[in-house]
Amino acid sequence: MPSNWVKTMAADDLEKRVAALEAEVAKLKATSDSTAERPHQWWNEIAGSFADDPVYEEAMRLGREWRESFRARSRPRNKRTHDHP
């Protein structure tokens, strides 16, 4: 008899847990569906936030110099042509 009681309690508990999970999934789907219609454009939130910022301008200048330093080093070399018989 205790075994049936345990099975009944376990089944009831399992049903409650599944119902709670289904409700949570439904809530997440509803939230996901409403945000999926219009993608979040994060760049609109930060656009202009560095305007007239001297630290940002300095960071951009240093980054540009760093990138340009690679271009100067990677200039094409004159390739030797080999005469093959």
C-alpha atoms as a PDB file:
ATOM      1  CA  MET A   1       0.000   0.000   0.000  1.00  0.00           C
ATOM      2  CA  PRO A   2       2.754   2.586   0.722  1.00  0.00           C
ATOM      3  CA  SER A   3       4.109   1.992  -2.753  1.00  0.00           C
ATOM      4  CA  ASN A   4       0.828   3.081  -4.431  1.00  0.00           C
ATOM      5  CA  TRP A   5       0.627   6.122  -2.160  1.00  0.00           C
ATOM      6  CA  VAL A   6       4.184   7.122  -3.118  1.00  0.00           C
ATOM      7  CA  LYS A   7       3.402   6.646  -6.810  1.00  0.00           C
ATOM      8  CA  THR A   8       0.232   8.746  -6.482  1.00  0.00           C
ATOM      9  CA  MET A   9       2.080  11.532  -4.650  1.00  0.00           C
ATOM     10  CA  ALA A  10       4.925  11.417  -7.144  1.00  0.00           C
ATOM     11  CA  ALA A  11       2.489  11.587 -10.071  1.00  0.00           C
ATOM     12  CA  ASP A  12       0.613  14.525  -8.502  1.00  0.00           C
ATOM     13  CA  ASP A  13       3.858  16.357  -7.840  1.00  0.00           C
ATOM     14  CA  LEU A  14       5.052  15.635 -11.356  1.00  0.00           C
ATOM     15  CA  GLU A  15       1.795  16.931 -12.856  1.00  0.00           C
ATOM     16  CA  LYS A  16       2.096  20.162 -10.849  1.00  0.00           C
ATOM     17  CA  ARG A  17       5.695  20.634 -11.927  1.00  0.00           C
ATOM     18  CA  VAL A  18       4.860  20.002 -15.599  1.00  0.00           C
ATOM     19  CA  ALA A  19       1.944  22.453 -15.405  1.00  0.00           C
ATOM     20  CA  ALA A  20       4.247  25.103 -13.893  1.00  0.00           C
ATOM     21  CA  LEU A  21       6.840  24.510 -16.615  1.00  0.00           C
ATOM     22  CA  GLU A  22       4.218  24.712 -19.354  1.00  0.00           C
ATOM     23  CA  ALA A  23       2.969  28.025 -17.951  1.00  0.00           C
ATOM     24  CA  GLU A  24       6.520  29.391 -17.851  1.00  0.00           C
ATOM     25  CA  VAL A  25       7.214  28.261 -21.426  1.00  0.00           C
ATOM     26  CA  ALA A  26       3.984  29.914 -22.599  1.00  0.00           C
ATOM     27  CA  LYS A  27       5.020  33.145 -20.878  1.00  0.00           C
ATOM     28  CA  LEU A  28       8.479  33.019 -22.460  1.00  0.00           C
ATOM     29  CA  LYS A  29       7.012  32.332 -25.900  1.00  0.00           C
ATOM     30  CA  ALA A  30       4.654  35.293 -25.564  1.00  0.00           C
ATOM     31  CA  THR A  31       7.561  37.547 -24.616  1.00  0.00           C
ATOM     32  CA  SER A  32       9.734  36.140 -27.381  1.00  0.00           C
ATOM     33  CA  ASP A  33       7.027  36.554 -30.018  1.00  0.00           C
ATOM     34  CA  SER A  34       6.464  40.205 -29.182  1.00  0.00           C
ATOM     35  CA  THR A  35      10.174  41.050 -29.350  1.00  0.00           C
ATOM     36  CA  ALA A  36      10.779  38.926 -32.461  1.00  0.00           C
ATOM     37  CA  GLU A  37       8.463  41.106 -34.519  1.00  0.00           C
ATOM     38  CA  ARG A  38      10.764  44.110 -34.259  1.00  0.00           C
ATOM     39  CA  PRO A  39      14.482  43.420 -33.766  1.00  0.00           C
ATOM     40  CA  HIS A  40      16.219  45.424 -31.083  1.00  0.00           C
ATOM     41  CA  GLN A  41      18.354  48.088 -32.711  1.00  0.00           C
ATOM     42  CA  TRP A  42      20.892  48.687 -29.946  1.00  0.00           C
ATOM     43  CA  TRP A  43      22.976  51.001 -32.086  1.00  0.00           C
ATOM     44  CA  ASN A  44      20.166  53.566 -32.055  1.00  0.00           C
ATOM     45  CA  GLU A  45      20.463  53.739 -28.282  1.00  0.00           C
ATOM     46  CA  ILE A  46      24.188  54.584 -28.342  1.00  0.00           C
ATOM     47  CA  ALA A  47      24.342  56.641 -31.537  1.00  0.00           C
ATOM     48  CA  GLY A  48      25.793  60.050 -30.725  1.00  0.00           C
ATOM     49  CA  SER A  49      26.727  59.159 -27.167  1.00  0.00           C
ATOM     50  CA  PHE A  50      30.416  59.878 -27.926  1.00  0.00           C
ATOM     51  CA  ALA A  51      29.828  63.148 -29.766  1.00  0.00           C
ATOM     52  CA  ASP A  52      32.485  65.739 -28.930  1.00  0.00           C
ATOM     53  CA  ASP A  53      34.189  63.368 -26.482  1.00  0.00           C
ATOM     54  CA  PRO A  54      37.963  64.003 -26.622  1.00  0.00           C
ATOM     55  CA  VAL A  55      38.774  60.618 -25.083  1.00  0.00           C
ATOM     56  CA  TYR A  56      36.748  58.847 -27.777  1.00  0.00           C
ATOM     57  CA  GLU A  57      38.390  60.914 -30.509  1.00  0.00           C
ATOM     58  CA  GLU A  58      41.834  60.014 -29.139  1.00  0.00           C
ATOM     59  CA  ALA A  59      40.911  56.324 -29.014  1.00  0.00           C
ATOM     60  CA  MET A  60      39.757  56.464 -32.645  1.00  0.00           C
ATOM     61  CA  ARG A  61      42.958  58.243 -33.693  1.00  0.00           C
ATOM     62  CA  LEU A  62      45.149  55.674 -31.954  1.00  0.00           C
ATOM     63  CA  GLY A  63      43.155  52.807 -33.468  1.00  0.00           C
ATOM     64  CA  ARG A  64      43.477  54.314 -36.945  1.00  0.00           C
ATOM     65  CA  GLU A  65      47.246  54.741 -36.509  1.00  0.00           C
ATOM     66  CA  TRP A  66      47.565  51.149 -35.331  1.00  0.00           C
ATOM     67  CA  ARG A  67      45.600  49.793 -38.318  1.00  0.00           C
ATOM     68  CA  GLU A  68      47.535  51.973 -40.748  1.00  0.00           C
ATOM     69  CA  SER A  69      50.824  50.693 -39.325  1.00  0.00           C
ATOM     70  CA  PHE A  70      49.911  47.245 -40.663  1.00  0.00           C
ATOM     71  CA  ARG A  71      49.115  48.583 -44.109  1.00  0.00           C
ATOM     72  CA  ALA A  72      52.530  50.210 -44.387  1.00  0.00           C
ATOM     73  CA  ARG A  73      54.261  46.929 -43.537  1.00  0.00           C
ATOM     74  CA  SER A  74      52.193  44.764 -45.851  1.00  0.00           C
ATOM     75  CA  ARG A  75      52.944  46.553 -49.106  1.00  0.00           C
ATOM     76  CA  PRO A  76      53.385  44.158 -52.005  1.00  0.00           C
ATOM     77  CA  ARG A  77      56.946  43.147 -52.670  1.00  0.00           C
ATOM     78  CA  ASN A  78      58.433  42.804 -56.122  1.00  0.00           C
ATOM     79  CA  LYS A  79      58.227  39.169 -57.014  1.00  0.00           C
ATOM     80  CA  ARG A  80      61.100  37.670 -58.906  1.00  0.00           C
ATOM     81  CA  THR A  81      60.210  35.959 -62.116  1.00  0.00           C
ATOM     82  CA  HIS A  82      61.852  32.647 -62.754  1.00  0.00           C
ATOM     83  CA  ASP A  83      62.576  31.479 -66.246  1.00  0.00           C
ATOM     84  CA  HIS A  84      61.573  27.902 -66.637  1.00  0.00           C
ATOM     85  CA  PRO A  85      62.795  25.853 -69.583  1.00  0.00           C
END
